[in-house]
Amino acid sequence: GTPHQLTHDKHDYGSPIWSKDGKKLYFSA
């Protein structure tokens, strides 16, 4: 299906990883 976009600003986001409970992403930027 269509990927869901989570961020929308004028910054570049680094590779995300998932929290154990699936409620958060962690990333570097």
PDB file of all heavy atoms in Angstrom:
ATOM      1  N   GLY A   1       0.822  -1.203   0.000  1.00  0.00           N
ATOM      2  CA  GLY A   1       0.000   0.000   0.000  1.00  0.00           C
ATOM      3  C   GLY A   1       0.854   1.250   0.000  1.00  0.00           C
ATOM      4  O   GLY A   1       2.057   1.216  -0.288  1.00  0.00           O
ATOM      5  N   THR A   2       0.245   2.363   0.353  1.00  0.00           N
ATOM      6  CA  THR A   2       0.948   3.644   0.340  1.00  0.00           C
ATOM      7  C   THR A   2       1.713   3.838   1.643  1.00  0.00           C
ATOM      8  O   THR A   2       1.131   3.742   2.724  1.00  0.00           O
ATOM      9  CB  THR A   2      -0.050   4.799   0.163  1.00  0.00           C
ATOM     10  OG1 THR A   2      -0.788   4.604  -1.042  1.00  0.00           O
ATOM     11  CG2 THR A   2       0.688   6.133   0.111  1.00  0.00           C
ATOM     12  N   PRO A   3       3.015   4.120   1.576  1.00  0.00           N
ATOM     13  CA  PRO A   3       3.763   4.392   2.814  1.00  0.00           C
ATOM     14  C   PRO A   3       3.204   5.616   3.530  1.00  0.00           C
ATOM     15  O   PRO A   3       2.777   6.587   2.895  1.00  0.00           O
ATOM     16  CB  PRO A   3       5.191   4.648   2.310  1.00  0.00           C
ATOM     17  CG  PRO A   3       5.251   3.993   0.961  1.00  0.00           C
ATOM     18  CD  PRO A   3       3.883   4.129   0.383  1.00  0.00           C
ATOM     19  N   HIS A   4       3.181   5.561   4.852  1.00  0.00           N
ATOM     20  CA  HIS A   4       2.662   6.666   5.666  1.00  0.00           C
ATOM     21  C   HIS A   4       3.814   7.578   6.072  1.00  0.00           C
ATOM     22  O   HIS A   4       4.754   7.154   6.740  1.00  0.00           O
ATOM     23  CB  HIS A   4       1.959   6.122   6.902  1.00  0.00           C
ATOM     24  CG  HIS A   4       1.517   7.178   7.862  1.00  0.00           C
ATOM     25  ND1 HIS A   4       0.661   8.200   7.513  1.00  0.00           N
ATOM     26  CD2 HIS A   4       1.826   7.382   9.181  1.00  0.00           C
ATOM     27  CE1 HIS A   4       0.464   8.985   8.554  1.00  0.00           C
ATOM     28  NE2 HIS A   4       1.160   8.509   9.579  1.00  0.00           N
ATOM     29  N   GLN A   5       3.742   8.844   5.663  1.00  0.00           N
ATOM     30  CA  GLN A   5       4.784   9.817   5.972  1.00  0.00           C
ATOM     31  C   GLN A   5       4.576  10.379   7.367  1.00  0.00           C
ATOM     32  O   GLN A   5       3.481  10.823   7.720  1.00  0.00           O
ATOM     33  CB  GLN A   5       4.779  10.947   4.942  1.00  0.00           C
ATOM     34  CG  GLN A   5       5.912  11.945   5.126  1.00  0.00           C
ATOM     35  CD  GLN A   5       5.964  12.980   4.009  1.00  0.00           C
ATOM     36  OE1 GLN A   5       5.384  12.780   2.939  1.00  0.00           O
ATOM     37  NE2 GLN A   5       6.647  14.086   4.253  1.00  0.00           N
ATOM     38  N   LEU A   6       5.666  10.377   8.166  1.00  0.00           N
ATOM     39  CA  LEU A   6       5.580  10.800   9.561  1.00  0.00           C
ATOM     40  C   LEU A   6       6.133  12.194   9.806  1.00  0.00           C
ATOM     41  O   LEU A   6       5.744  12.860  10.776  1.00  0.00           O
ATOM     42  CB  LEU A   6       6.332   9.809  10.454  1.00  0.00           C
ATOM     43  CG  LEU A   6       5.829   8.361  10.437  1.00  0.00           C
ATOM     44  CD1 LEU A   6       6.792   7.470  11.198  1.00  0.00           C
ATOM     45  CD2 LEU A   6       4.436   8.275  11.032  1.00  0.00           C
ATOM     46  N   THR A   7       7.058  12.645   8.998  1.00  0.00           N
ATOM     47  CA  THR A   7       7.673  13.963   9.183  1.00  0.00           C
ATOM     48  C   THR A   7       7.455  14.782   7.916  1.00  0.00           C
ATOM     49  O   THR A   7       7.368  14.239   6.815  1.00  0.00           O
ATOM     50  CB  THR A   7       9.174  13.843   9.492  1.00  0.00           C
ATOM     51  OG1 THR A   7       9.817  13.087   8.450  1.00  0.00           O
ATOM     52  CG2 THR A   7       9.394  13.140  10.827  1.00  0.00           C
ATOM     53  N   HIS A   8       7.421  16.112   8.087  1.00  0.00           N
ATOM     54  CA  HIS A   8       7.007  16.953   6.960  1.00  0.00           C
ATOM     55  C   HIS A   8       7.772  18.271   6.904  1.00  0.00           C
ATOM     56  O   HIS A   8       7.356  19.176   6.179  1.00  0.00           O
ATOM     57  CB  HIS A   8       5.499  17.246   7.065  1.00  0.00           C
ATOM     58  CG  HIS A   8       4.650  16.026   7.190  1.00  0.00           C
ATOM     59  ND1 HIS A   8       4.111  15.370   6.098  1.00  0.00           N
ATOM     60  CD2 HIS A   8       4.248  15.318   8.290  1.00  0.00           C
ATOM     61  CE1 HIS A   8       3.416  14.331   6.504  1.00  0.00           C
ATOM     62  NE2 HIS A   8       3.478  14.270   7.838  1.00  0.00           N
ATOM     63  N   ASP A   9       8.853  18.415   7.648  1.00  0.00           N
ATOM     64  CA  ASP A   9       9.520  19.712   7.695  1.00  0.00           C
ATOM     65  C   ASP A   9      10.728  19.752   6.765  1.00  0.00           C
ATOM     66  O   ASP A   9      10.943  18.846   5.961  1.00  0.00           O
ATOM     67  CB  ASP A   9       9.913  20.059   9.132  1.00  0.00           C
ATOM     68  CG  ASP A   9      10.811  18.994   9.751  1.00  0.00           C
ATOM     69  OD1 ASP A   9      11.443  18.227   9.002  1.00  0.00           O
ATOM     70  OD2 ASP A   9      10.875  18.916  10.996  1.00  0.00           O
ATOM     71  N   LYS A  10      11.533  20.785   6.891  1.00  0.00           N
ATOM     72  CA  LYS A  10      12.674  20.992   5.991  1.00  0.00           C
ATOM     73  C   LYS A  10      13.979  20.547   6.639  1.00  0.00           C
ATOM     74  O   LYS A  10      14.984  21.258   6.610  1.00  0.00           O
ATOM     75  CB  LYS A  10      12.739  22.454   5.565  1.00  0.00           C
ATOM     76  CG  LYS A  10      11.528  22.883   4.763  1.00  0.00           C
ATOM     77  CD  LYS A  10      11.743  24.194   4.043  1.00  0.00           C
ATOM     78  CE  LYS A  10      10.543  24.493   3.163  1.00  0.00           C
ATOM     79  NZ  LYS A  10      10.773  25.556   2.199  1.00  0.00           N
ATOM     80  N   HIS A  11      13.944  19.346   7.226  1.00  0.00           N
ATOM     81  CA  HIS A  11      15.144  18.730   7.777  1.00  0.00           C
ATOM     82  C   HIS A  11      15.295  17.338   7.174  1.00  0.00           C
ATOM     83  O   HIS A  11      14.331  16.749   6.695  1.00  0.00           O
ATOM     84  CB  HIS A  11      15.065  18.633   9.305  1.00  0.00           C
ATOM     85  CG  HIS A  11      15.109  19.952   9.995  1.00  0.00           C
ATOM     86  ND1 HIS A  11      13.977  20.612  10.423  1.00  0.00           N
ATOM     87  CD2 HIS A  11      16.148  20.752  10.326  1.00  0.00           C
ATOM     88  CE1 HIS A  11      14.318  21.759  11.004  1.00  0.00           C
ATOM     89  NE2 HIS A  11      15.638  21.862  10.956  1.00  0.00           N
ATOM     90  N   ASP A  12      16.531  16.830   7.225  1.00  0.00           N
ATOM     91  CA  ASP A  12      16.801  15.472   6.767  1.00  0.00           C
ATOM     92  C   ASP A  12      16.856  14.541   7.970  1.00  0.00           C
ATOM     93  O   ASP A  12      17.578  14.808   8.942  1.00  0.00           O
ATOM     94  CB  ASP A  12      18.133  15.416   6.009  1.00  0.00           C
ATOM     95  CG  ASP A  12      18.061  16.147   4.681  1.00  0.00           C
ATOM     96  OD1 ASP A  12      17.060  15.959   3.967  1.00  0.00           O
ATOM     97  OD2 ASP A  12      18.990  16.915   4.361  1.00  0.00           O
ATOM     98  N   TYR A  13      16.124  13.446   7.884  1.00  0.00           N
ATOM     99  CA  TYR A  13      16.029  12.482   8.984  1.00  0.00           C
ATOM    100  C   TYR A  13      16.854  11.245   8.668  1.00  0.00           C
ATOM    101  O   TYR A  13      16.883  10.767   7.531  1.00  0.00           O
ATOM    102  CB  TYR A  13      14.568  12.102   9.226  1.00  0.00           C
ATOM    103  CG  TYR A  13      13.760  13.235   9.815  1.00  0.00           C
ATOM    104  CD1 TYR A  13      13.259  14.249   9.012  1.00  0.00           C
ATOM    105  CD2 TYR A  13      13.535  13.297  11.186  1.00  0.00           C
ATOM    106  CE1 TYR A  13      12.539  15.309   9.559  1.00  0.00           C
ATOM    107  CE2 TYR A  13      12.809  14.342  11.735  1.00  0.00           C
ATOM    108  CZ  TYR A  13      12.320  15.354  10.917  1.00  0.00           C
ATOM    109  OH  TYR A  13      11.616  16.401  11.469  1.00  0.00           O
ATOM    110  N   GLY A  14      17.519  10.716   9.711  1.00  0.00           N
ATOM    111  CA  GLY A  14      18.349   9.534   9.548  1.00  0.00           C
ATOM    112  C   GLY A  14      17.569   8.246   9.705  1.00  0.00           C
ATOM    113  O   GLY A  14      16.374   8.246  10.028  1.00  0.00           O
ATOM    114  N   SER A  15      18.261   7.135   9.493  1.00  0.00           N
ATOM    115  CA  SER A  15      17.633   5.811   9.477  1.00  0.00           C
ATOM    116  C   SER A  15      16.956   5.508  10.814  1.00  0.00           C
ATOM    117  O   SER A  15      17.588   5.561  11.866  1.00  0.00           O
ATOM    118  CB  SER A  15      18.684   4.752   9.181  1.00  0.00           C
ATOM    119  OG  SER A  15      19.322   5.022   7.946  1.00  0.00           O
ATOM    120  N   PRO A  16      15.659   5.145  10.800  1.00  0.00           N
ATOM    121  CA  PRO A  16      14.935   4.910  12.054  1.00  0.00           C
ATOM    122  C   PRO A  16      15.038   3.465  12.536  1.00  0.00           C
ATOM    123  O   PRO A  16      15.278   2.546  11.757  1.00  0.00           O
ATOM    124  CB  PRO A  16      13.487   5.223  11.656  1.00  0.00           C
ATOM    125  CG  PRO A  16      13.420   4.812  10.210  1.00  0.00           C
ATOM    126  CD  PRO A  16      14.784   5.101   9.624  1.00  0.00           C
ATOM    127  N   ILE A  17      14.859   3.278  13.835  1.00  0.00           N
ATOM    128  CA  ILE A  17      14.680   1.950  14.430  1.00  0.00           C
ATOM    129  C   ILE A  17      13.431   1.989  15.300  1.00  0.00           C
ATOM    130  O   ILE A  17      12.998   3.063  15.735  1.00  0.00           O
ATOM    131  CB  ILE A  17      15.906   1.510  15.260  1.00  0.00           C
ATOM    132  CG1 ILE A  17      16.146   2.483  16.425  1.00  0.00           C
ATOM    133  CG2 ILE A  17      17.143   1.381  14.388  1.00  0.00           C
ATOM    134  CD1 ILE A  17      17.178   1.992  17.421  1.00  0.00           C
ATOM    135  N   TRP A  18      12.853   0.833  15.574  1.00  0.00           N
ATOM    136  CA  TRP A  18      11.592   0.741  16.321  1.00  0.00           C
ATOM    137  C   TRP A  18      11.831   0.554  17.814  1.00  0.00           C
ATOM    138  O   TRP A  18      12.793  -0.098  18.227  1.00  0.00           O
ATOM    139  CB  TRP A  18      10.774  -0.449  15.825  1.00  0.00           C
ATOM    140  CG  TRP A  18      10.222  -0.305  14.448  1.00  0.00           C
ATOM    141  CD1 TRP A  18      10.878  -0.544  13.279  1.00  0.00           C
ATOM    142  CD2 TRP A  18       8.896   0.104  14.096  1.00  0.00           C
ATOM    143  NE1 TRP A  18      10.045  -0.318  12.210  1.00  0.00           N
ATOM    144  CE2 TRP A  18       8.812   0.083  12.689  1.00  0.00           C
ATOM    145  CE3 TRP A  18       7.769   0.470  14.831  1.00  0.00           C
ATOM    146  CZ2 TRP A  18       7.656   0.424  12.002  1.00  0.00           C
ATOM    147  CZ3 TRP A  18       6.608   0.810  14.144  1.00  0.00           C
ATOM    148  CH2 TRP A  18       6.554   0.795  12.741  1.00  0.00           C
ATOM    149  N   SER A  19      10.912   1.093  18.607  1.00  0.00           N
ATOM    150  CA  SER A  19      10.876   0.742  20.024  1.00  0.00           C
ATOM    151  C   SER A  19      10.321  -0.671  20.158  1.00  0.00           C
ATOM    152  O   SER A  19       9.694  -1.209  19.244  1.00  0.00           O
ATOM    153  CB  SER A  19      10.000   1.730  20.807  1.00  0.00           C
ATOM    154  OG  SER A  19       8.645   1.635  20.382  1.00  0.00           O
ATOM    155  N   LYS A  20      10.541  -1.275  21.305  1.00  0.00           N
ATOM    156  CA  LYS A  20      10.124  -2.665  21.510  1.00  0.00           C
ATOM    157  C   LYS A  20       8.597  -2.810  21.433  1.00  0.00           C
ATOM    158  O   LYS A  20       8.083  -3.816  20.918  1.00  0.00           O
ATOM    159  CB  LYS A  20      10.616  -3.147  22.881  1.00  0.00           C
ATOM    160  CG  LYS A  20      10.609  -4.651  23.041  1.00  0.00           C
ATOM    161  CD  LYS A  20      11.801  -5.308  22.348  1.00  0.00           C
ATOM    162  CE  LYS A  20      11.891  -6.781  22.675  1.00  0.00           C
ATOM    163  NZ  LYS A  20      13.046  -7.449  22.066  1.00  0.00           N
ATOM    164  N   ASP A  21       7.875  -1.816  21.929  1.00  0.00           N
ATOM    165  CA  ASP A  21       6.417  -1.905  21.930  1.00  0.00           C
ATOM    166  C   ASP A  21       5.782  -1.402  20.634  1.00  0.00           C
ATOM    167  O   ASP A  21       4.558  -1.400  20.486  1.00  0.00           O
ATOM    168  CB  ASP A  21       5.822  -1.154  23.122  1.00  0.00           C
ATOM    169  CG  ASP A  21       6.178   0.331  23.115  1.00  0.00           C
ATOM    170  OD1 ASP A  21       6.722   0.831  22.100  1.00  0.00           O
ATOM    171  OD2 ASP A  21       5.913   1.004  24.138  1.00  0.00           O
ATOM    172  N   GLY A  22       6.605  -0.941  19.675  1.00  0.00           N
ATOM    173  CA  GLY A  22       6.090  -0.500  18.395  1.00  0.00           C
ATOM    174  C   GLY A  22       5.416   0.850  18.408  1.00  0.00           C
ATOM    175  O   GLY A  22       4.773   1.243  17.420  1.00  0.00           O
ATOM    176  N   LYS A  23       5.569   1.604  19.509  1.00  0.00           N
ATOM    177  CA  LYS A  23       4.882   2.888  19.623  1.00  0.00           C
ATOM    178  C   LYS A  23       5.763   4.079  19.252  1.00  0.00           C
ATOM    179  O   LYS A  23       5.260   5.190  19.092  1.00  0.00           O
ATOM    180  CB  LYS A  23       4.360   3.081  21.050  1.00  0.00           C
ATOM    181  CG  LYS A  23       3.290   2.071  21.450  1.00  0.00           C
ATOM    182  CD  LYS A  23       2.805   2.310  22.871  1.00  0.00           C
ATOM    183  CE  LYS A  23       1.706   1.317  23.248  1.00  0.00           C
ATOM    184  NZ  LYS A  23       1.206   1.530  24.633  1.00  0.00           N
ATOM    185  N   LYS A  24       7.065   3.841  19.116  1.00  0.00           N
ATOM    186  CA  LYS A  24       7.985   4.933  18.824  1.00  0.00           C
ATOM    187  C   LYS A  24       9.017   4.501  17.786  1.00  0.00           C
ATOM    188  O   LYS A  24       9.272   3.308  17.588  1.00  0.00           O
ATOM    189  CB  LYS A  24       8.730   5.378  20.093  1.00  0.00           C
ATOM    190  CG  LYS A  24       7.887   6.062  21.139  1.00  0.00           C
ATOM    191  CD  LYS A  24       8.760   6.496  22.323  1.00  0.00           C
ATOM    192  CE  LYS A  24       7.934   7.221  23.374  1.00  0.00           C
ATOM    193  NZ  LYS A  24       8.769   7.656  24.525  1.00  0.00           N
ATOM    194  N   LEU A  25       9.637   5.506  17.152  1.00  0.00           N
ATOM    195  CA  LEU A  25      10.834   5.311  16.349  1.00  0.00           C
ATOM    196  C   LEU A  25      11.958   6.121  16.976  1.00  0.00           C
ATOM    197  O   LEU A  25      11.726   7.190  17.558  1.00  0.00           O
ATOM    198  CB  LEU A  25      10.614   5.788  14.910  1.00  0.00           C
ATOM    199  CG  LEU A  25       9.554   5.076  14.075  1.00  0.00           C
ATOM    200  CD1 LEU A  25       9.485   5.709  12.692  1.00  0.00           C
ATOM    201  CD2 LEU A  25       9.832   3.582  13.972  1.00  0.00           C
ATOM    202  N   TYR A  26      13.167   5.609  16.873  1.00  0.00           N
ATOM    203  CA  TYR A  26      14.362   6.347  17.283  1.00  0.00           C
ATOM    204  C   TYR A  26      15.210   6.582  16.039  1.00  0.00           C
ATOM    205  O   TYR A  26      15.308   5.716  15.160  1.00  0.00           O
ATOM    206  CB  TYR A  26      15.162   5.560  18.321  1.00  0.00           C
ATOM    207  CG  TYR A  26      14.364   5.185  19.553  1.00  0.00           C
ATOM    208  CD1 TYR A  26      13.944   3.873  19.756  1.00  0.00           C
ATOM    209  CD2 TYR A  26      14.041   6.142  20.512  1.00  0.00           C
ATOM    210  CE1 TYR A  26      13.217   3.520  20.879  1.00  0.00           C
ATOM    211  CE2 TYR A  26      13.317   5.800  21.650  1.00  0.00           C
ATOM    212  CZ  TYR A  26      12.899   4.487  21.822  1.00  0.00           C
ATOM    213  OH  TYR A  26      12.171   4.135  22.937  1.00  0.00           O
ATOM    214  N   PHE A  27      15.845   7.746  15.981  1.00  0.00           N
ATOM    215  CA  PHE A  27      16.620   8.088  14.785  1.00  0.00           C
ATOM    216  C   PHE A  27      17.608   9.197  15.122  1.00  0.00           C
ATOM    217  O   PHE A  27      17.518   9.841  16.179  1.00  0.00           O
ATOM    218  CB  PHE A  27      15.687   8.541  13.654  1.00  0.00           C
ATOM    219  CG  PHE A  27      14.840   9.733  14.004  1.00  0.00           C
ATOM    220  CD1 PHE A  27      15.281  11.017  13.744  1.00  0.00           C
ATOM    221  CD2 PHE A  27      13.600   9.571  14.617  1.00  0.00           C
ATOM    222  CE1 PHE A  27      14.512  12.126  14.090  1.00  0.00           C
ATOM    223  CE2 PHE A  27      12.815  10.664  14.967  1.00  0.00           C
ATOM    224  CZ  PHE A  27      13.277  11.949  14.697  1.00  0.00           C
ATOM    225  N   SER A  28      18.535   9.417  14.204  1.00  0.00           N
ATOM    226  CA  SER A  28      19.505  10.512  14.322  1.00  0.00           C
ATOM    227  C   SER A  28      19.182  11.569  13.278  1.00  0.00           C
ATOM    228  O   SER A  28      18.794  11.246  12.150  1.00  0.00           O
ATOM    229  CB  SER A  28      20.924   9.989  14.117  1.00  0.00           C
ATOM    230  OG  SER A  28      21.859  11.058  14.071  1.00  0.00           O
ATOM    231  N   ALA A  29      19.335  12.819  13.646  1.00  0.00           N
ATOM    232  CA  ALA A  29      19.103  13.922  12.714  1.00  0.00           C
ATOM    233  C   ALA A  29      19.711  15.197  13.291  1.00  0.00           C
ATOM    234  O   ALA A  29      19.981  15.286  14.493  1.00  0.00           O
ATOM    235  CB  ALA A  29      17.608  14.123  12.455  1.00  0.00           C
TER     236      ALA A  29
END
